[in-house]
C-alpha atoms as a PDB file:
ATOM      1  CA  UNK A   1      -3.049  -4.149  -9.166  1.00  0.00           C
ATOM      2  CA  UNK A   2      -1.085  -6.234  -6.679  1.00  0.00           C
ATOM      3  CA  UNK A   3      -4.177  -7.374  -4.787  1.00  0.00           C
ATOM      4  CA  UNK A   4      -2.449  -9.185  -1.994  1.00  0.00           C
ATOM      5  CA  UNK A   5      -0.214  -6.441  -0.626  1.00  0.00           C
ATOM      6  CA  UNK A   6      -1.637  -3.354   1.155  1.00  0.00           C
ATOM      7  CA  UNK A   7       0.313  -0.521   2.682  1.00  0.00           C
ATOM      8  CA  UNK A   8      -1.174   0.875   5.950  1.00  0.00           C
ATOM      9  CA  UNK A   9       0.589   4.215   6.299  1.00  0.00           C
ATOM     10  CA  UNK A  10       0.464   6.469   9.342  1.00  0.00           C
ATOM     11  CA  UNK A  11       1.630  10.013   9.782  1.00  0.00           C
ATOM     12  CA  UNK A  12       2.974  11.999  12.717  1.00  0.00           C
ATOM     13  CA  UNK A  13       2.424  11.090  16.361  1.00  0.00           C
ATOM     14  CA  UNK A  14       0.695   7.844  15.702  1.00  0.00           C
ATOM     15  CA  UNK A  15       3.516   5.779  17.163  1.00  0.00           C
ATOM     16  CA  UNK A  16       2.477   7.541  20.450  1.00  0.00           C
ATOM     17  CA  UNK A  17      -0.923   5.882  20.596  1.00  0.00           C
ATOM     18  CA  UNK A  18      -1.629   4.844  24.168  1.00  0.00           C
ATOM     19  CA  UNK A  19       0.444   7.668  25.485  1.00  0.00           C
ATOM     20  CA  UNK A  20      -0.734  10.720  23.554  1.00  0.00           C
ATOM     21  CA  UNK A  21      -4.019  11.980  24.818  1.00  0.00           C
ATOM     22  CA  UNK A  22      -5.638   8.622  25.685  1.00  0.00           C
ATOM     23  CA  UNK A  23      -8.851  10.388  26.474  1.00  0.00           C
ATOM     24  CA  UNK A  24      -9.017  11.332  22.761  1.00  0.00           C
ATOM     25  CA  UNK A  25      -7.211   8.408  21.057  1.00  0.00           C
ATOM     26  CA  UNK A  26      -7.818   5.589  23.475  1.00  0.00           C
ATOM     27  CA  UNK A  27      -5.530   3.352  25.446  1.00  0.00           C
ATOM     28  CA  UNK A  28      -4.460   1.012  22.614  1.00  0.00           C
ATOM     29  CA  UNK A  29      -0.842   1.336  21.531  1.00  0.00           C
ATOM     30  CA  UNK A  30       0.717   1.486  18.060  1.00  0.00           C
ATOM     31  CA  UNK A  31       1.755  -2.089  18.515  1.00  0.00           C
ATOM     32  CA  UNK A  32      -1.934  -3.022  19.149  1.00  0.00           C
ATOM     33  CA  UNK A  33      -2.786  -1.151  15.895  1.00  0.00           C
ATOM     34  CA  UNK A  34      -0.089  -3.137  13.979  1.00  0.00           C
ATOM     35  CA  UNK A  35      -1.361  -6.435  15.314  1.00  0.00           C
ATOM     36  CA  UNK A  36      -4.938  -5.554  14.579  1.00  0.00           C
ATOM     37  CA  UNK A  37      -4.109  -4.609  10.906  1.00  0.00           C
ATOM     38  CA  UNK A  38      -2.063  -7.716  10.334  1.00  0.00           C
ATOM     39  CA  UNK A  39      -4.684 -10.001  11.866  1.00  0.00           C
ATOM     40  CA  UNK A  40      -7.349  -8.293   9.789  1.00  0.00           C
ATOM     41  CA  UNK A  41      -5.250  -8.736   6.732  1.00  0.00           C
ATOM     42  CA  UNK A  42      -4.688 -12.427   7.376  1.00  0.00           C
ATOM     43  CA  UNK A  43      -8.513 -12.797   7.697  1.00  0.00           C
ATOM     44  CA  UNK A  44      -9.082 -11.009   4.443  1.00  0.00           C
ATOM     45  CA  UNK A  45      -6.218 -12.725   2.621  1.00  0.00           C
ATOM     46  CA  UNK A  46      -4.195  -9.503   2.356  1.00  0.00           C
ATOM     47  CA  UNK A  47      -0.526  -8.975   3.131  1.00  0.00           C
ATOM     48  CA  UNK A  48      -0.590  -5.832   5.264  1.00  0.00           C
ATOM     49  CA  UNK A  49       2.481  -3.754   5.815  1.00  0.00           C
ATOM     50  CA  UNK A  50       2.032  -1.189   8.604  1.00  0.00           C
ATOM     51  CA  UNK A  51       4.382   1.862   8.638  1.00  0.00           C
ATOM     52  CA  UNK A  52       4.499   5.093  10.588  1.00  0.00           C
ATOM     53  CA  UNK A  53       6.562   8.265  10.222  1.00  0.00           C
ATOM     54  CA  UNK A  54       6.712  11.768  11.592  1.00  0.00           C
ATOM     55  CA  UNK A  55       8.461  12.876   8.403  1.00  0.00           C
ATOM     56  CA  UNK A  56       6.425  14.306   5.561  1.00  0.00           C
ATOM     57  CA  UNK A  57       9.076  13.476   2.943  1.00  0.00           C
ATOM     58  CA  UNK A  58       9.130   9.852   3.948  1.00  0.00           C
ATOM     59  CA  UNK A  59       5.295   9.547   3.749  1.00  0.00           C
ATOM     60  CA  UNK A  60       5.505  11.146   0.223  1.00  0.00           C
ATOM     61  CA  UNK A  61       8.163   8.549  -0.759  1.00  0.00           C
ATOM     62  CA  UNK A  62       5.937   5.771   0.505  1.00  0.00           C
ATOM     63  CA  UNK A  63       3.069   7.176  -1.639  1.00  0.00           C
ATOM     64  CA  UNK A  64       5.340   7.128  -4.625  1.00  0.00           C
ATOM     65  CA  UNK A  65       6.209   3.511  -3.896  1.00  0.00           C
ATOM     66  CA  UNK A  66       2.536   2.607  -3.761  1.00  0.00           C
ATOM     67  CA  UNK A  67       1.896   4.438  -7.036  1.00  0.00           C
ATOM     68  CA  UNK A  68       4.829   2.779  -8.770  1.00  0.00           C
ATOM     69  CA  UNK A  69       3.834  -0.722  -7.495  1.00  0.00           C
ATOM     70  CA  UNK A  70       0.084  -0.083  -7.948  1.00  0.00           C
ATOM     71  CA  UNK A  71      -0.513  -0.949  -4.261  1.00  0.00           C
ATOM     72  CA  UNK A  72      -3.720  -0.172  -2.328  1.00  0.00           C
ATOM     73  CA  UNK A  73      -3.231   2.177   0.606  1.00  0.00           C
ATOM     74  CA  UNK A  74      -4.926   2.691   3.897  1.00  0.00           C
ATOM     75  CA  UNK A  75      -3.685   6.041   5.175  1.00  0.00           C
ATOM     76  CA  UNK A  76      -3.974   7.974   8.376  1.00  0.00           C
ATOM     77  CA  UNK A  77      -2.216  11.165   7.422  1.00  0.00           C
ATOM     78  CA  UNK A  78      -2.785  12.569  10.910  1.00  0.00           C
ATOM     79  CA  UNK A  79      -1.770  16.292  11.017  1.00  0.00           C
ATOM     80  CA  UNK A  80      -0.706  16.166   7.401  1.00  0.00           C
ATOM     81  CA  UNK A  81      -4.432  15.676   6.578  1.00  0.00           C
ATOM     82  CA  UNK A  82      -5.055  19.418   6.848  1.00  0.00           C
ATOM     83  CA  UNK A  83      -2.172  21.030   4.975  1.00  0.00           C
ATOM     84  CA  UNK A  84       0.129  18.665   3.093  1.00  0.00           C
ATOM     85  CA  UNK A  85      -0.378  19.441  -0.540  1.00  0.00           C
ATOM     86  CA  UNK A  86       2.831  17.528  -1.278  1.00  0.00           C
ATOM     87  CA  UNK A  87       1.265  14.405   0.167  1.00  0.00           C
ATOM     88  CA  UNK A  88      -2.009  15.036  -1.623  1.00  0.00           C
ATOM     89  CA  UNK A  89      -0.174  15.365  -4.940  1.00  0.00           C
ATOM     90  CA  UNK A  90       1.753  12.146  -4.315  1.00  0.00           C
ATOM     91  CA  UNK A  91      -1.497  10.359  -3.452  1.00  0.00           C
ATOM     92  CA  UNK A  92      -3.201  11.656  -6.642  1.00  0.00           C
ATOM     93  CA  UNK A  93      -0.788   9.394  -8.590  1.00  0.00           C
ATOM     94  CA  UNK A  94      -2.244   6.200  -7.089  1.00  0.00           C
ATOM     95  CA  UNK A  95      -4.272   3.912  -9.352  1.00  0.00           C
ATOM     96  CA  UNK A  96      -5.132   1.363  -6.610  1.00  0.00           C
ATOM     97  CA  UNK A  97      -7.627   2.087  -3.896  1.00  0.00           C
ATOM     98  CA  UNK A  98      -6.787   4.727  -1.220  1.00  0.00           C
ATOM     99  CA  UNK A  99      -8.827   4.765   1.975  1.00  0.00           C
ATOM    100  CA  UNK A 100      -8.204   7.703   4.356  1.00  0.00           C
ATOM    101  CA  UNK A 101      -8.710   6.742   7.943  1.00  0.00           C
ATOM    102  CA  UNK A 102      -8.937   8.677  11.232  1.00  0.00           C
ATOM    103  CA  UNK A 103      -9.266   7.210  14.737  1.00  0.00           C
ATOM    104  CA  UNK A 104     -11.371  10.200  15.820  1.00  0.00           C
ATOM    105  CA  UNK A 105     -13.959  12.049  13.836  1.00  0.00           C
ATOM    106  CA  UNK A 106     -12.262  15.247  12.683  1.00  0.00           C
ATOM    107  CA  UNK A 107     -15.546  16.947  11.940  1.00  0.00           C
ATOM    108  CA  UNK A 108     -16.366  16.901  15.665  1.00  0.00           C
ATOM    109  CA  UNK A 109     -13.061  18.385  16.694  1.00  0.00           C
ATOM    110  CA  UNK A 110     -11.284  21.752  16.365  1.00  0.00           C
ATOM    111  CA  UNK A 111     -12.168  23.791  13.287  1.00  0.00           C
ATOM    112  CA  UNK A 112      -8.758  23.386  11.712  1.00  0.00           C
ATOM    113  CA  UNK A 113      -9.248  19.609  11.603  1.00  0.00           C
ATOM    114  CA  UNK A 114     -12.453  19.852   9.473  1.00  0.00           C
ATOM    115  CA  UNK A 115     -10.615  20.215   6.163  1.00  0.00           C
ATOM    116  CA  UNK A 116      -8.808  17.240   4.538  1.00  0.00           C
ATOM    117  CA  UNK A 117      -6.640  18.027   1.515  1.00  0.00           C
ATOM    118  CA  UNK A 118      -6.353  14.210   1.123  1.00  0.00           C
ATOM    119  CA  UNK A 119     -10.075  13.384   0.902  1.00  0.00           C
ATOM    120  CA  UNK A 120     -10.352  14.691  -2.637  1.00  0.00           C
ATOM    121  CA  UNK A 121      -8.045  12.025  -4.004  1.00  0.00           C
ATOM    122  CA  UNK A 122      -9.124   9.202  -1.676  1.00  0.00           C
ATOM    123  CA  UNK A 123     -11.488   6.421  -2.762  1.00  0.00           C
ATOM    124  CA  UNK A 124     -13.252   6.991   0.529  1.00  0.00           C
ATOM    125  CA  UNK A 125     -12.734   8.144   4.107  1.00  0.00           C
ATOM    126  CA  UNK A 126     -13.524   6.203   7.409  1.00  0.00           C
ATOM    127  CA  UNK A 127     -13.362   8.208  10.581  1.00  0.00           C
ATOM    128  CA  UNK A 128     -14.455   8.174  14.233  1.00  0.00           C
ATOM    129  CA  UNK A 129     -14.451   4.445  14.996  1.00  0.00           C
ATOM    130  CA  UNK A 130     -11.200   4.181  16.896  1.00  0.00           C
ATOM    131  CA  UNK A 131      -8.910   1.472  15.664  1.00  0.00           C
ATOM    132  CA  UNK A 132     -11.949  -0.186  14.100  1.00  0.00           C
ATOM    133  CA  UNK A 133     -11.543   2.524  11.359  1.00  0.00           C
ATOM    134  CA  UNK A 134      -8.568   0.496  10.096  1.00  0.00           C
ATOM    135  CA  UNK A 135     -10.526  -2.735  10.041  1.00  0.00           C
ATOM    136  CA  UNK A 136     -13.286  -1.072   8.082  1.00  0.00           C
ATOM    137  CA  UNK A 137     -10.777   0.401   5.667  1.00  0.00           C
ATOM    138  CA  UNK A 138      -9.075  -2.946   5.105  1.00  0.00           C
ATOM    139  CA  UNK A 139     -12.434  -4.573   4.524  1.00  0.00           C
ATOM    140  CA  UNK A 140     -13.234  -1.875   1.965  1.00  0.00           C
ATOM    141  CA  UNK A 141      -9.984  -2.420   0.133  1.00  0.00           C
ATOM    142  CA  UNK A 142     -10.518  -6.204   0.083  1.00  0.00           C
ATOM    143  CA  UNK A 143     -14.040  -5.690  -1.377  1.00  0.00           C
ATOM    144  CA  UNK A 144     -12.857  -3.210  -3.954  1.00  0.00           C
ATOM    145  CA  UNK A 145     -10.046  -5.519  -5.071  1.00  0.00           C
ATOM    146  CA  UNK A 146     -12.523  -8.498  -5.238  1.00  0.00           C
ATOM    147  CA  UNK A 147     -14.939  -6.533  -7.310  1.00  0.00           C
ATOM    148  CA  UNK A 148     -12.171  -5.462  -9.697  1.00  0.00           C
ATOM    149  CA  UNK A 149     -11.017  -9.069 -10.070  1.00  0.00           C
ATOM    150  CA  UNK A 150     -14.618 -10.184 -10.697  1.00  0.00           C
ATOM    151  CA  UNK A 151     -14.988  -7.510 -13.379  1.00  0.00           C
ATOM    152  CA  UNK A 152     -11.743  -8.529 -15.061  1.00  0.00           C
ATOM    153  CA  UNK A 153     -12.753 -12.212 -14.980  1.00  0.00           C
ATOM    154  CA  UNK A 154     -16.098 -11.291 -16.554  1.00  0.00           C
ATOM    155  CA  UNK A 155     -14.382  -9.198 -19.252  1.00  0.00           C
ATOM    156  CA  UNK A 156     -12.017 -12.105 -20.044  1.00  0.00           C
ATOM    157  CA  UNK A 157     -14.895 -14.572 -20.279  1.00  0.00           C
ATOM    158  CA  UNK A 158     -16.701 -12.163 -22.590  1.00  0.00           C
ATOM    159  CA  UNK A 159     -13.648 -11.968 -24.889  1.00  0.00           C
ATOM    160  CA  UNK A 160     -13.287 -15.776 -24.908  1.00  0.00           C
ATOM    161  CA  UNK A 161     -16.903 -16.245 -26.027  1.00  0.00           C
END
């Protein structure tokens, strides 16, 4: 695993944060989200790359990149959450942590938002905490990577004994 680089991937309409339904998604902008993720990454000693696309094929390509490079992913699939089996299949190829995030809590919203095709291949899901969902997700990734490194270090010490 490349423990210091994390992709934060965002699906459709998330670049419209602050403009799109601020009563639902809040007043913070996408630029605010990018700054928050980068600052959280610095604090956690992670290099965070934040990307957004409205194009399902591009999101699938980014998932392939993460799989090929064994990169952890924090993903807000947005509307793709509920129906993109292509994205789900691409994400199933990941060997590093995958944390699904949502700004709102889909379970409290319209019925069609209650099903995530991504959740079944994710390490975990964090939803309903606004932009703080991303902070919690990055903290989870950092903790998972630290635990994996500790386990590898312990295994190496055991072989050296």
